[in-house]
């Protein structure tokens, strides 16, 4: 295996960061927002945006503010996901046909594995 085939490993942290900060189509939020209640700062954000340190809403302690933010993000994601699931179900049901089997009906059964790591086989 050449060095160029393994070079992608160097970019894993950047790829993971991009996935954690990108809004998801189904929820409308990034994984960081749903997990931490806020968006993660990119290096560009730190350079271009002024610090908001100490400018939180007075009178609202950080833990309560964080809990409220996370709860609000989760509630929003749940409502968006419900709509997304209904939409996907509608598309799935368009092509689905009911199937019923009786005793002694012949059916096709897939018996081969899709991959076998020990045999170095992948389909």
PDB file of N, CA and C in Angstrom:
ATOM      1  N   UNK A   1       0.850  -1.168   0.000  1.00  0.00           N
ATOM      2  CA  UNK A   1       0.000   0.000   0.000  1.00  0.00           C
ATOM      3  C   UNK A   1       0.898   1.234   0.000  1.00  0.00           C
ATOM      4  N   UNK A   2       0.649   2.140  -0.871  1.00  0.00           N
ATOM      5  CA  UNK A   2       1.497   3.328  -0.973  1.00  0.00           C
ATOM      6  C   UNK A   2       1.119   4.351   0.092  1.00  0.00           C
ATOM      7  N   UNK A   3       1.992   5.325   0.286  1.00  0.00           N
ATOM      8  CA  UNK A   3       1.772   6.360   1.292  1.00  0.00           C
ATOM      9  C   UNK A   3       0.557   7.228   0.960  1.00  0.00           C
ATOM     10  N   UNK A   4       0.254   7.390  -0.320  1.00  0.00           N
ATOM     11  CA  UNK A   4      -0.876   8.237  -0.691  1.00  0.00           C
ATOM     12  C   UNK A   4      -2.206   7.597  -0.328  1.00  0.00           C
ATOM     13  N   UNK A   5      -2.221   6.264  -0.241  1.00  0.00           N
ATOM     14  CA  UNK A   5      -3.471   5.588   0.116  1.00  0.00           C
ATOM     15  C   UNK A   5      -3.813   5.751   1.587  1.00  0.00           C
ATOM     16  N   UNK A   6      -2.840   6.043   2.422  1.00  0.00           N
ATOM     17  CA  UNK A   6      -3.091   6.198   3.848  1.00  0.00           C
ATOM     18  C   UNK A   6      -3.044   7.655   4.288  1.00  0.00           C
ATOM     19  N   UNK A   7      -2.837   8.588   3.386  1.00  0.00           N
ATOM     20  CA  UNK A   7      -2.733  10.002   3.740  1.00  0.00           C
ATOM     21  C   UNK A   7      -4.043  10.556   4.299  1.00  0.00           C
ATOM     22  N   UNK A   8      -5.179   9.940   3.969  1.00  0.00           N
ATOM     23  CA  UNK A   8      -6.469  10.427   4.429  1.00  0.00           C
ATOM     24  C   UNK A   8      -6.576  10.428   5.939  1.00  0.00           C
ATOM     25  N   UNK A   9      -5.824   9.562   6.611  1.00  0.00           N
ATOM     26  CA  UNK A   9      -5.887   9.471   8.070  1.00  0.00           C
ATOM     27  C   UNK A   9      -5.485  10.779   8.738  1.00  0.00           C
ATOM     28  N   UNK A  10      -4.625  11.553   8.076  1.00  0.00           N
ATOM     29  CA  UNK A  10      -4.199  12.836   8.642  1.00  0.00           C
ATOM     30  C   UNK A  10      -5.349  13.828   8.717  1.00  0.00           C
ATOM     31  N   UNK A  11      -6.360  13.653   7.885  1.00  0.00           N
ATOM     32  CA  UNK A  11      -7.456  14.607   7.805  1.00  0.00           C
ATOM     33  C   UNK A  11      -8.678  14.204   8.632  1.00  0.00           C
ATOM     34  N   UNK A  12      -8.589  13.110   9.363  1.00  0.00           N
ATOM     35  CA  UNK A  12      -9.734  12.656  10.156  1.00  0.00           C
ATOM     36  C   UNK A  12     -10.235  13.703  11.159  1.00  0.00           C
ATOM     37  N   UNK A  13      -9.374  14.384  11.897  1.00  0.00           N
ATOM     38  CA  UNK A  13      -9.893  15.396  12.822  1.00  0.00           C
ATOM     39  C   UNK A  13     -10.692  16.496  12.113  1.00  0.00           C
ATOM     40  N   UNK A  14     -10.206  16.956  10.971  1.00  0.00           N
ATOM     41  CA  UNK A  14     -10.918  18.002  10.231  1.00  0.00           C
ATOM     42  C   UNK A  14     -12.244  17.472   9.684  1.00  0.00           C
ATOM     43  N   UNK A  15     -12.246  16.231   9.206  1.00  0.00           N
ATOM     44  CA  UNK A  15     -13.477  15.627   8.688  1.00  0.00           C
ATOM     45  C   UNK A  15     -14.496  15.484   9.815  1.00  0.00           C
ATOM     46  N   UNK A  16     -14.057  15.000  10.967  1.00  0.00           N
ATOM     47  CA  UNK A  16     -14.957  14.846  12.119  1.00  0.00           C
ATOM     48  C   UNK A  16     -15.520  16.195  12.551  1.00  0.00           C
ATOM     49  N   UNK A  17     -14.675  17.224  12.592  1.00  0.00           N
ATOM     50  CA  UNK A  17     -15.138  18.558  12.970  1.00  0.00           C
ATOM     51  C   UNK A  17     -16.189  19.056  11.986  1.00  0.00           C
ATOM     52  N   UNK A  18     -15.942  18.850  10.708  1.00  0.00           N
ATOM     53  CA  UNK A  18     -16.900  19.293   9.690  1.00  0.00           C
ATOM     54  C   UNK A  18     -18.231  18.581   9.857  1.00  0.00           C
ATOM     55  N   UNK A  19     -18.211  17.284  10.139  1.00  0.00           N
ATOM     56  CA  UNK A  19     -19.456  16.532  10.332  1.00  0.00           C
ATOM     57  C   UNK A  19     -20.196  16.978  11.592  1.00  0.00           C
ATOM     58  N   UNK A  20     -19.442  17.323  12.628  1.00  0.00           N
ATOM     59  CA  UNK A  20     -20.073  17.734  13.893  1.00  0.00           C
ATOM     60  C   UNK A  20     -20.659  19.137  13.835  1.00  0.00           C
ATOM     61  N   UNK A  21     -20.179  19.954  12.907  1.00  0.00           N
ATOM     62  CA  UNK A  21     -20.653  21.341  12.839  1.00  0.00           C
ATOM     63  C   UNK A  21     -21.616  21.601  11.687  1.00  0.00           C
ATOM     64  N   UNK A  22     -21.809  20.631  10.817  1.00  0.00           N
ATOM     65  CA  UNK A  22     -22.707  20.816   9.673  1.00  0.00           C
ATOM     66  C   UNK A  22     -24.144  20.520  10.079  1.00  0.00           C
ATOM     67  N   UNK A  23     -25.087  21.382   9.715  1.00  0.00           N
ATOM     68  CA  UNK A  23     -26.494  21.100  10.027  1.00  0.00           C
ATOM     69  C   UNK A  23     -26.964  19.844   9.298  1.00  0.00           C
ATOM     70  N   UNK A  24     -27.722  19.009   9.992  1.00  0.00           N
ATOM     71  CA  UNK A  24     -28.242  17.777   9.418  1.00  0.00           C
ATOM     72  C   UNK A  24     -29.561  18.073   8.718  1.00  0.00           C
ATOM     73  N   UNK A  25     -29.771  17.468   7.580  1.00  0.00           N
ATOM     74  CA  UNK A  25     -30.979  17.713   6.792  1.00  0.00           C
ATOM     75  C   UNK A  25     -32.242  17.369   7.574  1.00  0.00           C
ATOM     76  N   UNK A  26     -32.215  16.281   8.320  1.00  0.00           N
ATOM     77  CA  UNK A  26     -33.421  15.833   9.018  1.00  0.00           C
ATOM     78  C   UNK A  26     -33.752  16.674  10.237  1.00  0.00           C
ATOM     79  N   UNK A  27     -32.747  17.068  11.021  1.00  0.00           N
ATOM     80  CA  UNK A  27     -33.017  17.795  12.263  1.00  0.00           C
ATOM     81  C   UNK A  27     -32.958  19.299  12.096  1.00  0.00           C
ATOM     82  N   UNK A  28     -32.233  19.767  11.099  1.00  0.00           N
ATOM     83  CA  UNK A  28     -32.055  21.201  10.926  1.00  0.00           C
ATOM     84  C   UNK A  28     -30.989  21.767  11.850  1.00  0.00           C
ATOM     85  N   UNK A  29     -30.373  20.924  12.667  1.00  0.00           N
ATOM     86  CA  UNK A  29     -29.328  21.351  13.599  1.00  0.00           C
ATOM     87  C   UNK A  29     -28.073  20.522  13.386  1.00  0.00           C
ATOM     88  N   UNK A  30     -26.955  21.059  13.822  1.00  0.00           N
ATOM     89  CA  UNK A  30     -25.708  20.298  13.780  1.00  0.00           C
ATOM     90  C   UNK A  30     -25.663  19.375  14.999  1.00  0.00           C
ATOM     91  N   UNK A  31     -24.894  18.280  14.914  1.00  0.00           N
ATOM     92  CA  UNK A  31     -24.753  17.413  16.086  1.00  0.00           C
ATOM     93  C   UNK A  31     -24.212  18.165  17.299  1.00  0.00           C
ATOM     94  N   UNK A  32     -23.322  19.144  17.098  1.00  0.00           N
ATOM     95  CA  UNK A  32     -22.794  19.893  18.237  1.00  0.00           C
ATOM     96  C   UNK A  32     -23.892  20.689  18.935  1.00  0.00           C
ATOM     97  N   UNK A  33     -24.834  21.243  18.180  1.00  0.00           N
ATOM     98  CA  UNK A  33     -25.939  21.989  18.789  1.00  0.00           C
ATOM     99  C   UNK A  33     -26.820  21.061  19.620  1.00  0.00           C
ATOM    100  N   UNK A  34     -27.095  19.877  19.101  1.00  0.00           N
ATOM    101  CA  UNK A  34     -27.952  18.941  19.827  1.00  0.00           C
ATOM    102  C   UNK A  34     -27.252  18.350  21.046  1.00  0.00           C
ATOM    103  N   UNK A  35     -25.933  18.229  20.992  1.00  0.00           N
ATOM    104  CA  UNK A  35     -25.198  17.644  22.105  1.00  0.00           C
ATOM    105  C   UNK A  35     -24.791  18.678  23.143  1.00  0.00           C
ATOM    106  N   UNK A  36     -24.291  19.830  22.693  1.00  0.00           N
ATOM    107  CA  UNK A  36     -23.747  20.833  23.609  1.00  0.00           C
ATOM    108  C   UNK A  36     -24.648  22.047  23.805  1.00  0.00           C
ATOM    109  N   UNK A  37     -25.686  22.183  22.978  1.00  0.00           N
ATOM    110  CA  UNK A  37     -26.563  23.333  23.103  1.00  0.00           C
ATOM    111  C   UNK A  37     -25.997  24.589  22.484  1.00  0.00           C
ATOM    112  N   UNK A  38     -24.941  24.465  21.714  1.00  0.00           N
ATOM    113  CA  UNK A  38     -24.318  25.599  21.031  1.00  0.00           C
ATOM    114  C   UNK A  38     -23.519  25.085  19.853  1.00  0.00           C
ATOM    115  N   UNK A  39     -23.208  25.978  18.944  1.00  0.00           N
ATOM    116  CA  UNK A  39     -22.369  25.608  17.807  1.00  0.00           C
ATOM    117  C   UNK A  39     -20.901  25.673  18.224  1.00  0.00           C
ATOM    118  N   UNK A  40     -20.081  24.820  17.658  1.00  0.00           N
ATOM    119  CA  UNK A  40     -18.652  24.862  17.920  1.00  0.00           C
ATOM    120  C   UNK A  40     -18.036  26.009  17.130  1.00  0.00           C
ATOM    121  N   UNK A  41     -17.028  26.619  17.697  1.00  0.00           N
ATOM    122  CA  UNK A  41     -16.356  27.729  17.024  1.00  0.00           C
ATOM    123  C   UNK A  41     -15.261  27.189  16.120  1.00  0.00           C
ATOM    124  N   UNK A  42     -15.246  27.680  14.896  1.00  0.00           N
ATOM    125  CA  UNK A  42     -14.171  27.334  13.972  1.00  0.00           C
ATOM    126  C   UNK A  42     -13.045  28.337  14.162  1.00  0.00           C
ATOM    127  N   UNK A  43     -11.845  28.030  13.701  1.00  0.00           N
ATOM    128  CA  UNK A  43     -10.762  29.014  13.809  1.00  0.00           C
ATOM    129  C   UNK A  43     -11.135  30.352  13.156  1.00  0.00           C
ATOM    130  N   UNK A  44     -11.873  30.313  12.057  1.00  0.00           N
ATOM    131  CA  UNK A  44     -12.281  31.547  11.401  1.00  0.00           C
ATOM    132  C   UNK A  44     -13.247  32.344  12.273  1.00  0.00           C
ATOM    133  N   UNK A  45     -14.151  31.654  12.980  1.00  0.00           N
ATOM    134  CA  UNK A  45     -15.067  32.340  13.901  1.00  0.00           C
ATOM    135  C   UNK A  45     -14.299  33.080  14.984  1.00  0.00           C
ATOM    136  N   UNK A  46     -13.283  32.451  15.514  1.00  0.00           N
ATOM    137  CA  UNK A  46     -12.505  33.043  16.600  1.00  0.00           C
ATOM    138  C   UNK A  46     -11.789  34.304  16.117  1.00  0.00           C
ATOM    139  N   UNK A  47     -11.315  34.285  14.871  1.00  0.00           N
ATOM    140  CA  UNK A  47     -10.592  35.435  14.323  1.00  0.00           C
ATOM    141  C   UNK A  47     -11.542  36.573  13.966  1.00  0.00           C
ATOM    142  N   UNK A  48     -12.668  36.240  13.339  1.00  0.00           N
ATOM    143  CA  UNK A  48     -13.533  37.285  12.773  1.00  0.00           C
ATOM    144  C   UNK A  48     -14.606  37.809  13.711  1.00  0.00           C
ATOM    145  N   UNK A  49     -14.984  37.054  14.727  1.00  0.00           N
ATOM    146  CA  UNK A  49     -16.074  37.498  15.594  1.00  0.00           C
ATOM    147  C   UNK A  49     -15.524  37.978  16.928  1.00  0.00           C
ATOM    148  N   UNK A  50     -16.053  39.078  17.431  1.00  0.00           N
ATOM    149  CA  UNK A  50     -15.594  39.554  18.738  1.00  0.00           C
ATOM    150  C   UNK A  50     -16.005  38.586  19.832  1.00  0.00           C
ATOM    151  N   UNK A  51     -15.266  38.572  20.888  1.00  0.00           N
ATOM    152  CA  UNK A  51     -15.547  37.689  22.012  1.00  0.00           C
ATOM    153  C   UNK A  51     -16.856  38.097  22.670  1.00  0.00           C
ATOM    154  N   UNK A  52     -17.690  37.134  22.962  1.00  0.00           N
ATOM    155  CA  UNK A  52     -18.950  37.402  23.654  1.00  0.00           C
ATOM    156  C   UNK A  52     -18.846  36.993  25.115  1.00  0.00           C
ATOM    157  N   UNK A  53     -17.613  36.812  25.575  1.00  0.00           N
ATOM    158  CA  UNK A  53     -17.384  36.386  26.948  1.00  0.00           C
ATOM    159  C   UNK A  53     -17.905  37.448  27.919  1.00  0.00           C
ATOM    160  N   UNK A  54     -18.688  37.016  28.882  1.00  0.00           N
ATOM    161  CA  UNK A  54     -19.224  37.931  29.866  1.00  0.00           C
ATOM    162  C   UNK A  54     -20.454  38.683  29.392  1.00  0.00           C
ATOM    163  N   UNK A  55     -20.969  38.403  28.223  1.00  0.00           N
ATOM    164  CA  UNK A  55     -22.124  39.119  27.702  1.00  0.00           C
ATOM    165  C   UNK A  55     -23.387  38.272  27.727  1.00  0.00           C
ATOM    166  N   UNK A  56     -23.375  37.204  28.507  1.00  0.00           N
ATOM    167  CA  UNK A  56     -24.578  36.376  28.618  1.00  0.00           C
ATOM    168  C   UNK A  56     -25.681  37.188  29.260  1.00  0.00           C
ATOM    169  N   UNK A  57     -26.884  36.662  29.164  1.00  0.00           N
ATOM    170  CA  UNK A  57     -28.013  37.354  29.764  1.00  0.00           C
ATOM    171  C   UNK A  57     -27.807  37.447  31.273  1.00  0.00           C
ATOM    172  N   UNK A  58     -27.878  38.657  31.813  1.00  0.00           N
ATOM    173  CA  UNK A  58     -27.688  38.787  33.268  1.00  0.00           C
ATOM    174  C   UNK A  58     -28.839  38.121  34.012  1.00  0.00           C
ATOM    175  N   UNK A  59     -28.511  37.516  35.123  1.00  0.00           N
ATOM    176  CA  UNK A  59     -29.544  36.905  35.939  1.00  0.00           C
ATOM    177  C   UNK A  59     -29.865  35.466  35.588  1.00  0.00           C
ATOM    178  N   UNK A  60     -29.369  34.957  34.453  1.00  0.00           N
ATOM    179  CA  UNK A  60     -29.618  33.566  34.077  1.00  0.00           C
ATOM    180  C   UNK A  60     -28.297  32.813  34.175  1.00  0.00           C
ATOM    181  N   UNK A  61     -28.158  31.969  35.191  1.00  0.00           N
ATOM    182  CA  UNK A  61     -26.903  31.209  35.327  1.00  0.00           C
ATOM    183  C   UNK A  61     -26.665  30.309  34.116  1.00  0.00           C
ATOM    184  N   UNK A  62     -25.408  30.053  33.819  1.00  0.00           N
ATOM    185  CA  UNK A  62     -25.027  29.276  32.640  1.00  0.00           C
ATOM    186  C   UNK A  62     -25.669  27.901  32.592  1.00  0.00           C
ATOM    187  N   UNK A  63     -25.682  27.111  33.671  1.00  0.00           N
ATOM    188  CA  UNK A  63     -26.283  25.765  33.566  1.00  0.00           C
ATOM    189  C   UNK A  63     -27.753  25.799  33.134  1.00  0.00           C
ATOM    190  N   UNK A  64     -28.529  26.734  33.666  1.00  0.00           N
ATOM    191  CA  UNK A  64     -29.935  26.824  33.280  1.00  0.00           C
ATOM    192  C   UNK A  64     -30.061  27.273  31.829  1.00  0.00           C
ATOM    193  N   UNK A  65     -29.210  28.203  31.428  1.00  0.00           N
ATOM    194  CA  UNK A  65     -29.211  28.678  30.046  1.00  0.00           C
ATOM    195  C   UNK A  65     -28.858  27.543  29.094  1.00  0.00           C
ATOM    196  N   UNK A  66     -27.846  26.753  29.457  1.00  0.00           N
ATOM    197  CA  UNK A  66     -27.425  25.622  28.625  1.00  0.00           C
ATOM    198  C   UNK A  66     -28.522  24.577  28.546  1.00  0.00           C
ATOM    199  N   UNK A  67     -29.118  24.254  29.679  1.00  0.00           N
ATOM    200  CA  UNK A  67     -30.191  23.259  29.688  1.00  0.00           C
ATOM    201  C   UNK A  67     -31.359  23.714  28.819  1.00  0.00           C
ATOM    202  N   UNK A  68     -31.723  24.970  28.928  1.00  0.00           N
ATOM    203  CA  UNK A  68     -32.813  25.519  28.124  1.00  0.00           C
ATOM    204  C   UNK A  68     -32.480  25.460  26.639  1.00  0.00           C
ATOM    205  N   UNK A  69     -31.244  25.798  26.299  1.00  0.00           N
ATOM    206  CA  UNK A  69     -30.814  25.788  24.898  1.00  0.00           C
ATOM    207  C   UNK A  69     -30.848  24.376  24.321  1.00  0.00           C
ATOM    208  N   UNK A  70     -30.352  23.418  25.089  1.00  0.00           N
ATOM    209  CA  UNK A  70     -30.345  22.025  24.623  1.00  0.00           C
ATOM    210  C   UNK A  70     -31.775  21.502  24.498  1.00  0.00           C
ATOM    211  N   UNK A  71     -32.627  21.805  25.479  1.00  0.00           N
ATOM    212  CA  UNK A  71     -34.018  21.345  25.428  1.00  0.00           C
ATOM    213  C   UNK A  71     -34.725  21.936  24.212  1.00  0.00           C
ATOM    214  N   UNK A  72     -34.505  23.213  23.955  1.00  0.00           N
ATOM    215  CA  UNK A  72     -35.125  23.869  22.800  1.00  0.00           C
ATOM    216  C   UNK A  72     -34.653  23.238  21.492  1.00  0.00           C
ATOM    217  N   UNK A  73     -33.349  22.947  21.381  1.00  0.00           N
ATOM    218  CA  UNK A  73     -32.811  22.314  20.177  1.00  0.00           C
ATOM    219  C   UNK A  73     -33.379  20.914  19.991  1.00  0.00           C
ATOM    220  N   UNK A  74     -33.506  20.162  21.075  1.00  0.00           N
ATOM    221  CA  UNK A  74     -34.053  18.803  20.982  1.00  0.00           C
ATOM    222  C   UNK A  74     -35.526  18.829  20.587  1.00  0.00           C
ATOM    223  N   UNK A  75     -36.282  19.746  21.163  1.00  0.00           N
ATOM    224  CA  UNK A  75     -37.706  19.845  20.811  1.00  0.00           C
ATOM    225  C   UNK A  75     -37.874  20.203  19.334  1.00  0.00           C
ATOM    226  N   UNK A  76     -37.060  21.147  18.875  1.00  0.00           N
ATOM    227  CA  UNK A  76     -37.116  21.539  17.462  1.00  0.00           C
ATOM    228  C   UNK A  76     -36.740  20.359  16.569  1.00  0.00           C
ATOM    229  N   UNK A  77     -35.668  19.640  16.932  1.00  0.00           N
ATOM    230  CA  UNK A  77     -35.224  18.497  16.135  1.00  0.00           C
ATOM    231  C   UNK A  77     -36.294  17.410  16.099  1.00  0.00           C
ATOM    232  N   UNK A  78     -36.964  17.151  17.245  1.00  0.00           N
ATOM    233  CA  UNK A  78     -38.030  16.151  17.274  1.00  0.00           C
ATOM    234  C   UNK A  78     -39.157  16.505  16.319  1.00  0.00           C
ATOM    235  N   UNK A  79     -39.554  17.767  16.306  1.00  0.00           N
ATOM    236  CA  UNK A  79     -40.654  18.155  15.424  1.00  0.00           C
ATOM    237  C   UNK A  79     -40.240  18.070  13.958  1.00  0.00           C
ATOM    238  N   UNK A  80     -39.015  18.468  13.641  1.00  0.00           N
ATOM    239  CA  UNK A  80     -38.520  18.374  12.263  1.00  0.00           C
ATOM    240  C   UNK A  80     -38.405  16.911  11.846  1.00  0.00           C
ATOM    241  N   UNK A  81     -37.903  16.054  12.749  1.00  0.00           N
ATOM    242  CA  UNK A  81     -37.769  14.623  12.436  1.00  0.00           C
ATOM    243  C   UNK A  81     -39.120  13.967  12.196  1.00  0.00           C
ATOM    244  N   UNK A  82     -40.118  14.358  12.945  1.00  0.00           N
ATOM    245  CA  UNK A  82     -41.448  13.780  12.742  1.00  0.00           C
ATOM    246  C   UNK A  82     -41.940  14.080  11.329  1.00  0.00           C
ATOM    247  N   UNK A  83     -41.749  15.305  10.878  1.00  0.00           N
ATOM    248  CA  UNK A  83     -42.131  15.656   9.506  1.00  0.00           C
ATOM    249  C   UNK A  83     -41.303  14.916   8.482  1.00  0.00           C
ATOM    250  N   UNK A  84     -40.014  14.784   8.755  1.00  0.00           N
ATOM    251  CA  UNK A  84     -39.125  14.075   7.840  1.00  0.00           C
ATOM    252  C   UNK A  84     -39.509  12.596   7.738  1.00  0.00           C
ATOM    253  N   UNK A  85     -39.829  11.982   8.873  1.00  0.00           N
ATOM    254  CA  UNK A  85     -40.227  10.567   8.863  1.00  0.00           C
ATOM    255  C   UNK A  85     -41.518  10.372   8.076  1.00  0.00           C
ATOM    256  N   UNK A  86     -42.464  11.270   8.267  1.00  0.00           N
ATOM    257  CA  UNK A  86     -43.731  11.160   7.536  1.00  0.00           C
ATOM    258  C   UNK A  86     -43.501  11.288   6.034  1.00  0.00           C
ATOM    259  N   UNK A  87     -42.637  12.208   5.648  1.00  0.00           N
ATOM    260  CA  UNK A  87     -42.323  12.407   4.222  1.00  0.00           C
ATOM    261  C   UNK A  87     -41.652  11.170   3.633  1.00  0.00           C
ATOM    262  N   UNK A  88     -40.676  10.615   4.352  1.00  0.00           N
ATOM    263  CA  UNK A  88     -39.980   9.422   3.857  1.00  0.00           C
ATOM    264  C   UNK A  88     -40.906   8.214   3.816  1.00  0.00           C
ATOM    265  N   UNK A  89     -41.798   8.099   4.786  1.00  0.00           N
ATOM    266  CA  UNK A  89     -42.765   6.992   4.792  1.00  0.00           C
ATOM    267  C   UNK A  89     -43.672   7.081   3.575  1.00  0.00           C
ATOM    268  N   UNK A  90     -44.097   8.286   3.252  1.00  0.00           N
ATOM    269  CA  UNK A  90     -44.976   8.478   2.103  1.00  0.00           C
ATOM    270  C   UNK A  90     -44.282   7.996   0.822  1.00  0.00           C
ATOM    271  N   UNK A  91     -43.008   8.353   0.643  1.00  0.00           N
ATOM    272  CA  UNK A  91     -42.265   7.921  -0.549  1.00  0.00           C
ATOM    273  C   UNK A  91     -42.027   6.416  -0.550  1.00  0.00           C
ATOM    274  N   UNK A  92     -41.748   5.843   0.623  1.00  0.00           N
ATOM    275  CA  UNK A  92     -41.526   4.399   0.715  1.00  0.00           C
ATOM    276  C   UNK A  92     -42.818   3.642   0.391  1.00  0.00           C
ATOM    277  N   UNK A  93     -43.926   4.105   0.937  1.00  0.00           N
ATOM    278  CA  UNK A  93     -45.203   3.414   0.750  1.00  0.00           C
ATOM    279  C   UNK A  93     -45.708   3.456  -0.685  1.00  0.00           C
ATOM    280  N   UNK A  94     -45.238   4.390  -1.493  1.00  0.00           N
ATOM    281  CA  UNK A  94     -45.676   4.455  -2.892  1.00  0.00           C
ATOM    282  C   UNK A  94     -45.328   3.182  -3.666  1.00  0.00           C
ATOM    283  N   UNK A  95     -44.162   2.631  -3.378  1.00  0.00           N
ATOM    284  CA  UNK A  95     -43.696   1.455  -4.138  1.00  0.00           C
ATOM    285  C   UNK A  95     -43.841   0.148  -3.380  1.00  0.00           C
ATOM    286  N   UNK A  96     -44.220   0.211  -2.154  1.00  0.00           N
ATOM    287  CA  UNK A  96     -44.342  -1.001  -1.348  1.00  0.00           C
ATOM    288  C   UNK A  96     -45.612  -1.752  -1.725  1.00  0.00           C
ATOM    289  N   UNK A  97     -45.489  -3.047  -1.848  1.00  0.00           N
ATOM    290  CA  UNK A  97     -46.631  -3.905  -2.138  1.00  0.00           C
ATOM    291  C   UNK A  97     -46.772  -4.909  -0.992  1.00  0.00           C
ATOM    292  N   UNK A  98     -47.992  -5.122  -0.537  1.00  0.00           N
ATOM    293  CA  UNK A  98     -48.169  -6.080   0.558  1.00  0.00           C
ATOM    294  C   UNK A  98     -47.796  -7.494   0.109  1.00  0.00           C
ATOM    295  N   UNK A  99     -47.132  -8.209   0.986  1.00  0.00           N
ATOM    296  CA  UNK A  99     -46.698  -9.573   0.694  1.00  0.00           C
ATOM    297  C   UNK A  99     -47.203 -10.483   1.804  1.00  0.00           C
ATOM    298  N   UNK A 100     -47.736 -11.623   1.419  1.00  0.00           N
ATOM    299  CA  UNK A 100     -48.127 -12.610   2.422  1.00  0.00           C
ATOM    300  C   UNK A 100     -47.676 -13.980   1.925  1.00  0.00           C
ATOM    301  N   UNK A 101     -47.291 -14.801   2.862  1.00  0.00           N
ATOM    302  CA  UNK A 101     -46.819 -16.141   2.536  1.00  0.00           C
ATOM    303  C   UNK A 101     -47.693 -17.162   3.241  1.00  0.00           C
ATOM    304  N   UNK A 102     -47.834 -18.282   2.606  1.00  0.00           N
ATOM    305  CA  UNK A 102     -48.571 -19.396   3.212  1.00  0.00           C
ATOM    306  C   UNK A 102     -47.584 -20.526   3.485  1.00  0.00           C
ATOM    307  N   UNK A 103     -47.980 -21.438   4.317  1.00  0.00           N
ATOM    308  CA  UNK A 103     -47.146 -22.592   4.619  1.00  0.00           C
ATOM    309  C   UNK A 103     -46.879 -23.349   3.318  1.00  0.00           C
ATOM    310  N   UNK A 104     -45.654 -23.786   3.114  1.00  0.00           N
ATOM    311  CA  UNK A 104     -45.179 -24.533   1.950  1.00  0.00           C
ATOM    312  C   UNK A 104     -44.957 -23.660   0.708  1.00  0.00           C
ATOM    313  N   UNK A 105     -45.062 -22.341   0.820  1.00  0.00           N
ATOM    314  CA  UNK A 105     -44.692 -21.465  -0.295  1.00  0.00           C
ATOM    315  C   UNK A 105     -43.179 -21.477  -0.455  1.00  0.00           C
ATOM    316  N   UNK A 106     -42.738 -21.401  -1.696  1.00  0.00           N
ATOM    317  CA  UNK A 106     -41.310 -21.292  -1.953  1.00  0.00           C
ATOM    318  C   UNK A 106     -40.898 -19.826  -1.832  1.00  0.00           C
ATOM    319  N   UNK A 107     -39.814 -19.614  -1.095  1.00  0.00           N
ATOM    320  CA  UNK A 107     -39.295 -18.258  -0.936  1.00  0.00           C
ATOM    321  C   UNK A 107     -37.795 -18.278  -1.194  1.00  0.00           C
ATOM    322  N   UNK A 108     -37.279 -17.168  -1.607  1.00  0.00           N
ATOM    323  CA  UNK A 108     -35.840 -17.047  -1.847  1.00  0.00           C
ATOM    324  C   UNK A 108     -35.180 -16.557  -0.562  1.00  0.00           C
ATOM    325  N   UNK A 109     -34.132 -17.240  -0.160  1.00  0.00           N
ATOM    326  CA  UNK A 109     -33.416 -16.889   1.055  1.00  0.00           C
ATOM    327  C   UNK A 109     -31.960 -16.615   0.696  1.00  0.00           C
ATOM    328  N   UNK A 110     -31.473 -15.479   1.091  1.00  0.00           N
ATOM    329  CA  UNK A 110     -30.075 -15.118   0.849  1.00  0.00           C
ATOM    330  C   UNK A 110     -29.232 -15.770   1.944  1.00  0.00           C
ATOM    331  N   UNK A 111     -28.311 -16.643   1.536  1.00  0.00           N
ATOM    332  CA  UNK A 111     -27.529 -17.380   2.524  1.00  0.00           C
ATOM    333  C   UNK A 111     -26.054 -17.026   2.510  1.00  0.00           C
ATOM    334  N   UNK A 112     -25.618 -16.192   1.574  1.00  0.00           N
ATOM    335  CA  UNK A 112     -24.199 -15.855   1.544  1.00  0.00           C
ATOM    336  C   UNK A 112     -23.962 -14.530   2.257  1.00  0.00           C
ATOM    337  N   UNK A 113     -22.826 -14.416   2.963  1.00  0.00           N
ATOM    338  CA  UNK A 113     -22.532 -13.145   3.644  1.00  0.00           C
ATOM    339  C   UNK A 113     -22.119 -12.086   2.630  1.00  0.00           C
ATOM    340  N   UNK A 114     -22.401 -10.860   2.956  1.00  0.00           N
ATOM    341  CA  UNK A 114     -22.022  -9.765   2.063  1.00  0.00           C
ATOM    342  C   UNK A 114     -20.525  -9.531   2.118  1.00  0.00           C
ATOM    343  N   UNK A 115     -19.909  -9.785   3.270  1.00  0.00           N
ATOM    344  CA  UNK A 115     -18.461  -9.626   3.361  1.00  0.00           C
ATOM    345  C   UNK A 115     -17.911 -10.578   4.407  1.00  0.00           C
ATOM    346  N   UNK A 116     -16.647 -10.893   4.244  1.00  0.00           N
ATOM    347  CA  UNK A 116     -15.957 -11.778   5.165  1.00  0.00           C
ATOM    348  C   UNK A 116     -14.547 -11.237   5.344  1.00  0.00           C
ATOM    349  N   UNK A 117     -14.281 -10.640   6.487  1.00  0.00           N
ATOM    350  CA  UNK A 117     -12.986 -10.002   6.726  1.00  0.00           C
ATOM    351  C   UNK A 117     -11.846 -11.020   6.716  1.00  0.00           C
ATOM    352  N   UNK A 118     -12.098 -12.217   7.234  1.00  0.00           N
ATOM    353  CA  UNK A 118     -11.022 -13.225   7.289  1.00  0.00           C
ATOM    354  C   UNK A 118     -10.618 -13.680   5.882  1.00  0.00           C
ATOM    355  N   UNK A 119     -11.579 -13.767   4.978  1.00  0.00           N
ATOM    356  CA  UNK A 119     -11.295 -14.193   3.602  1.00  0.00           C
ATOM    357  C   UNK A 119     -10.961 -13.002   2.698  1.00  0.00           C
ATOM    358  N   UNK A 120     -10.962 -11.799   3.288  1.00  0.00           N
ATOM    359  CA  UNK A 120     -10.699 -10.572   2.536  1.00  0.00           C
ATOM    360  C   UNK A 120     -11.658 -10.436   1.363  1.00  0.00           C
ATOM    361  N   UNK A 121     -12.942 -10.746   1.609  1.00  0.00           N
ATOM    362  CA  UNK A 121     -13.967 -10.693   0.584  1.00  0.00           C
ATOM    363  C   UNK A 121     -14.971  -9.602   0.918  1.00  0.00           C
ATOM    364  N   UNK A 122     -15.229  -8.718  -0.033  1.00  0.00           N
ATOM    365  CA  UNK A 122     -16.212  -7.651   0.156  1.00  0.00           C
ATOM    366  C   UNK A 122     -17.063  -7.582  -1.107  1.00  0.00           C
ATOM    367  N   UNK A 123     -18.381  -7.473  -0.919  1.00  0.00           N
ATOM    368  CA  UNK A 123     -19.238  -7.366  -2.100  1.00  0.00           C
ATOM    369  C   UNK A 123     -19.660  -5.939  -2.343  1.00  0.00           C
TER     370      UNK A 123
END
